[in-house]
């Protein structure tokens, strides 16, 4: 007889978990509505905002050798290369 009541207990537990998840999602959505992200510029795509076009400076892990110092300015140009 004990086996027959087990599925209904599992269903109740599963339903409670689902309701709790829905509650958390609802609260998160309400918080997002209350605190919207920063203002968007009209005509600006938020996916590419702040990306600088043109060649990018080399990544540190892509540089050849550990003893090379590279200084990159704000424009992305390599200013100096010092080999030790």
N, C-alpha and C. Protein backbone atom coordinates (compact mmCIF):
# COMPACT_ATOMS: atom_id res chain seq x y z
N UNK A 1 0.80 -1.20 0.00
CA UNK A 1 0.00 0.00 0.00
C UNK A 1 0.85 1.26 0.00
N UNK A 2 2.00 1.18 0.59
CA UNK A 2 2.86 2.37 0.69
C UNK A 2 3.31 2.84 -0.69
N UNK A 3 3.40 1.90 -1.63
CA UNK A 3 3.86 2.27 -2.96
C UNK A 3 2.85 3.15 -3.69
N UNK A 4 1.58 3.02 -3.38
CA UNK A 4 0.56 3.79 -4.08
C UNK A 4 0.57 5.27 -3.69
N UNK A 5 0.97 5.58 -2.49
CA UNK A 5 0.94 6.98 -2.06
C UNK A 5 2.20 7.73 -2.49
N UNK A 6 3.23 7.05 -2.84
CA UNK A 6 4.51 7.69 -3.18
C UNK A 6 4.40 8.60 -4.41
N UNK A 7 3.79 8.21 -5.50
CA UNK A 7 3.71 9.11 -6.65
C UNK A 7 3.00 10.43 -6.34
N UNK A 8 1.97 10.40 -5.52
CA UNK A 8 1.28 11.66 -5.23
C UNK A 8 2.18 12.58 -4.39
N UNK A 9 2.99 12.00 -3.49
CA UNK A 9 3.94 12.81 -2.73
C UNK A 9 4.99 13.41 -3.65
N UNK A 10 5.45 12.64 -4.61
CA UNK A 10 6.42 13.15 -5.57
C UNK A 10 5.80 14.27 -6.41
N UNK A 11 4.55 14.09 -6.78
CA UNK A 11 3.87 15.12 -7.55
C UNK A 11 3.75 16.41 -6.75
N UNK A 12 3.40 16.30 -5.49
CA UNK A 12 3.28 17.49 -4.63
C UNK A 12 4.62 18.19 -4.49
N UNK A 13 5.67 17.41 -4.29
CA UNK A 13 7.00 17.99 -4.15
C UNK A 13 7.42 18.69 -5.45
N UNK A 14 7.15 18.04 -6.56
CA UNK A 14 7.49 18.61 -7.86
C UNK A 14 6.69 19.89 -8.12
N UNK A 15 5.42 19.88 -7.76
CA UNK A 15 4.57 21.06 -7.94
C UNK A 15 5.04 22.22 -7.06
N UNK A 16 5.43 21.93 -5.82
CA UNK A 16 5.96 22.98 -4.94
C UNK A 16 7.23 23.58 -5.51
N UNK A 17 8.10 22.73 -6.04
CA UNK A 17 9.35 23.22 -6.65
C UNK A 17 9.04 24.09 -7.86
N UNK A 18 8.07 23.69 -8.67
CA UNK A 18 7.69 24.48 -9.83
C UNK A 18 7.13 25.83 -9.41
N UNK A 19 6.26 25.84 -8.39
CA UNK A 19 5.69 27.09 -7.90
C UNK A 19 6.76 28.01 -7.33
N UNK A 20 7.71 27.45 -6.62
CA UNK A 20 8.80 28.26 -6.07
C UNK A 20 9.64 28.88 -7.19
N UNK A 21 9.90 28.10 -8.22
CA UNK A 21 10.66 28.61 -9.36
C UNK A 21 9.90 29.73 -10.06
N UNK A 22 8.60 29.56 -10.23
CA UNK A 22 7.78 30.61 -10.84
C UNK A 22 7.78 31.88 -9.99
N UNK A 23 7.73 31.71 -8.67
CA UNK A 23 7.75 32.85 -7.76
C UNK A 23 9.07 33.62 -7.89
N UNK A 24 10.18 32.89 -7.94
CA UNK A 24 11.49 33.53 -8.08
C UNK A 24 11.59 34.27 -9.41
N UNK A 25 11.10 33.65 -10.48
CA UNK A 25 11.12 34.30 -11.79
C UNK A 25 10.27 35.57 -11.80
N UNK A 26 9.10 35.50 -11.17
CA UNK A 26 8.21 36.64 -11.11
C UNK A 26 8.87 37.80 -10.36
N UNK A 27 9.50 37.48 -9.21
CA UNK A 27 10.18 38.52 -8.43
C UNK A 27 11.34 39.13 -9.22
N UNK A 28 12.08 38.30 -9.93
CA UNK A 28 13.20 38.80 -10.74
C UNK A 28 12.69 39.72 -11.85
N UNK A 29 11.59 39.35 -12.48
CA UNK A 29 11.02 40.20 -13.53
C UNK A 29 10.52 41.53 -12.97
N UNK A 30 9.90 41.50 -11.79
CA UNK A 30 9.42 42.73 -11.17
C UNK A 30 10.60 43.64 -10.83
N UNK A 31 11.69 43.06 -10.34
CA UNK A 31 12.88 43.84 -10.02
C UNK A 31 13.48 44.46 -11.29
N UNK A 32 13.49 43.70 -12.37
CA UNK A 32 14.03 44.21 -13.63
C UNK A 32 13.18 45.37 -14.16
N UNK A 33 11.87 45.29 -13.98
CA UNK A 33 11.00 46.39 -14.40
C UNK A 33 11.23 47.63 -13.56
N UNK A 34 11.44 47.43 -12.26
CA UNK A 34 11.63 48.55 -11.35
C UNK A 34 12.99 49.22 -11.55
N UNK A 35 14.01 48.46 -11.93
CA UNK A 35 15.36 48.98 -12.13
C UNK A 35 15.83 48.70 -13.55
N UNK A 36 15.34 49.47 -14.53
CA UNK A 36 15.76 49.20 -15.90
C UNK A 36 17.24 49.52 -16.09
N UNK A 37 17.82 48.91 -17.09
CA UNK A 37 19.22 49.17 -17.40
C UNK A 37 19.37 50.61 -17.87
N UNK A 38 20.59 51.03 -18.04
CA UNK A 38 20.89 52.41 -18.41
C UNK A 38 20.16 52.86 -19.67
N UNK A 39 20.06 54.18 -19.86
CA UNK A 39 19.34 54.69 -21.02
C UNK A 39 20.05 54.32 -22.32
N UNK A 40 19.27 54.04 -23.31
CA UNK A 40 19.82 53.71 -24.63
C UNK A 40 19.75 54.92 -25.53
N UNK A 41 20.76 55.03 -26.36
CA UNK A 41 20.76 56.09 -27.36
C UNK A 41 19.83 55.68 -28.50
N UNK A 42 19.04 56.59 -29.02
CA UNK A 42 18.18 56.22 -30.15
C UNK A 42 19.05 55.84 -31.35
N UNK A 43 18.74 54.73 -31.96
CA UNK A 43 19.47 54.28 -33.13
C UNK A 43 20.75 53.52 -32.80
N UNK A 44 21.02 53.28 -31.54
CA UNK A 44 22.23 52.57 -31.15
C UNK A 44 21.89 51.11 -30.83
N UNK A 45 22.65 50.21 -31.42
CA UNK A 45 22.45 48.79 -31.17
C UNK A 45 23.15 48.42 -29.87
N UNK A 46 22.43 47.94 -28.85
CA UNK A 46 23.07 47.65 -27.56
C UNK A 46 24.07 46.51 -27.63
N UNK A 47 23.98 45.65 -28.65
CA UNK A 47 24.92 44.54 -28.76
C UNK A 47 26.31 45.00 -29.17
N UNK A 48 26.40 46.10 -29.92
CA UNK A 48 27.70 46.55 -30.41
C UNK A 48 28.09 47.91 -29.83
N UNK A 49 27.38 48.38 -28.81
CA UNK A 49 27.70 49.67 -28.21
C UNK A 49 29.06 49.59 -27.53
N UNK A 50 29.90 50.56 -27.78
CA UNK A 50 31.20 50.64 -27.13
C UNK A 50 32.30 49.85 -27.83
N UNK A 51 32.00 49.22 -28.95
CA UNK A 51 33.02 48.47 -29.68
C UNK A 51 33.77 49.42 -30.59
N UNK A 52 35.09 49.35 -30.55
CA UNK A 52 35.92 50.21 -31.38
C UNK A 52 36.25 49.46 -32.67
N UNK A 53 35.89 50.03 -33.83
CA UNK A 53 36.19 49.34 -35.09
C UNK A 53 37.68 49.40 -35.40
N UNK A 54 38.12 48.50 -36.23
CA UNK A 54 39.51 48.49 -36.66
C UNK A 54 40.29 47.36 -36.02
N UNK A 55 41.59 47.34 -36.29
CA UNK A 55 42.41 46.27 -35.73
C UNK A 55 42.45 46.34 -34.21
N UNK A 56 42.44 45.19 -33.60
CA UNK A 56 42.45 45.10 -32.15
C UNK A 56 43.87 44.78 -31.67
N UNK A 57 44.22 45.23 -30.47
CA UNK A 57 45.55 44.90 -29.95
C UNK A 57 45.66 43.40 -29.71
N UNK A 58 46.87 42.87 -29.80
CA UNK A 58 47.03 41.43 -29.59
C UNK A 58 46.74 41.05 -28.14
N UNK A 59 46.16 39.88 -27.98
CA UNK A 59 45.89 39.38 -26.64
C UNK A 59 47.21 38.99 -25.99
N UNK A 60 47.25 39.08 -24.67
CA UNK A 60 48.48 38.77 -23.96
C UNK A 60 48.90 37.32 -24.14
N UNK A 61 47.94 36.42 -24.20
CA UNK A 61 48.29 35.01 -24.33
C UNK A 61 48.71 34.64 -25.75
N UNK A 62 48.53 35.54 -26.70
CA UNK A 62 48.90 35.27 -28.08
C UNK A 62 50.28 35.81 -28.43
N UNK A 63 50.89 36.58 -27.54
CA UNK A 63 52.21 37.12 -27.80
C UNK A 63 53.24 36.01 -27.76
N UNK A 64 54.23 36.12 -28.64
CA UNK A 64 55.28 35.11 -28.73
C UNK A 64 56.34 35.43 -27.68
N UNK A 65 56.66 34.50 -26.85
CA UNK A 65 57.69 34.68 -25.83
C UNK A 65 57.14 35.35 -24.59
N UNK A 66 57.77 35.05 -23.47
CA UNK A 66 57.34 35.63 -22.21
C UNK A 66 58.07 36.91 -21.87
N UNK A 67 59.17 37.21 -22.57
CA UNK A 67 60.00 38.35 -22.22
C UNK A 67 59.75 39.58 -23.10
N UNK A 68 58.61 39.70 -23.71
CA UNK A 68 58.30 40.84 -24.57
C UNK A 68 57.30 41.73 -23.86
N UNK A 69 57.60 43.03 -23.80
CA UNK A 69 56.69 44.02 -23.23
C UNK A 69 56.09 44.83 -24.37
N UNK A 70 54.79 44.93 -24.39
CA UNK A 70 54.10 45.68 -25.43
C UNK A 70 53.24 46.73 -24.77
N UNK A 71 53.35 47.97 -25.25
CA UNK A 71 52.50 49.04 -24.75
C UNK A 71 51.52 49.40 -25.85
N UNK A 72 50.23 49.34 -25.55
CA UNK A 72 49.19 49.64 -26.52
C UNK A 72 48.43 50.86 -26.02
N UNK A 73 48.29 51.88 -26.91
CA UNK A 73 47.57 53.08 -26.50
C UNK A 73 46.07 52.90 -26.70
N UNK A 74 45.29 53.94 -26.39
CA UNK A 74 43.82 53.85 -26.46
C UNK A 74 43.32 53.60 -27.87
N UNK A 75 44.10 54.01 -28.89
CA UNK A 75 43.68 53.81 -30.27
C UNK A 75 43.90 52.38 -30.75
N UNK A 76 44.63 51.60 -29.96
CA UNK A 76 44.90 50.22 -30.34
C UNK A 76 46.22 50.07 -31.06
N UNK A 77 47.02 51.15 -31.14
CA UNK A 77 48.31 51.10 -31.81
C UNK A 77 49.37 50.62 -30.82
N UNK A 78 50.33 49.83 -31.32
CA UNK A 78 51.43 49.39 -30.49
C UNK A 78 52.44 50.53 -30.43
N UNK A 79 52.71 51.04 -29.23
CA UNK A 79 53.61 52.18 -29.09
C UNK A 79 55.07 51.73 -29.04
N UNK A 80 55.37 50.73 -28.26
CA UNK A 80 56.76 50.30 -28.12
C UNK A 80 56.81 48.83 -27.80
N UNK A 81 57.88 48.21 -28.27
CA UNK A 81 58.11 46.80 -27.99
C UNK A 81 59.50 46.70 -27.42
N UNK A 82 59.61 46.20 -26.21
CA UNK A 82 60.91 46.05 -25.55
C UNK A 82 61.18 44.57 -25.34
N UNK A 83 62.29 44.10 -25.88
CA UNK A 83 62.67 42.71 -25.67
C UNK A 83 63.73 42.69 -24.59
N UNK A 84 63.58 41.83 -23.62
CA UNK A 84 64.54 41.78 -22.52
C UNK A 84 65.59 40.72 -22.76
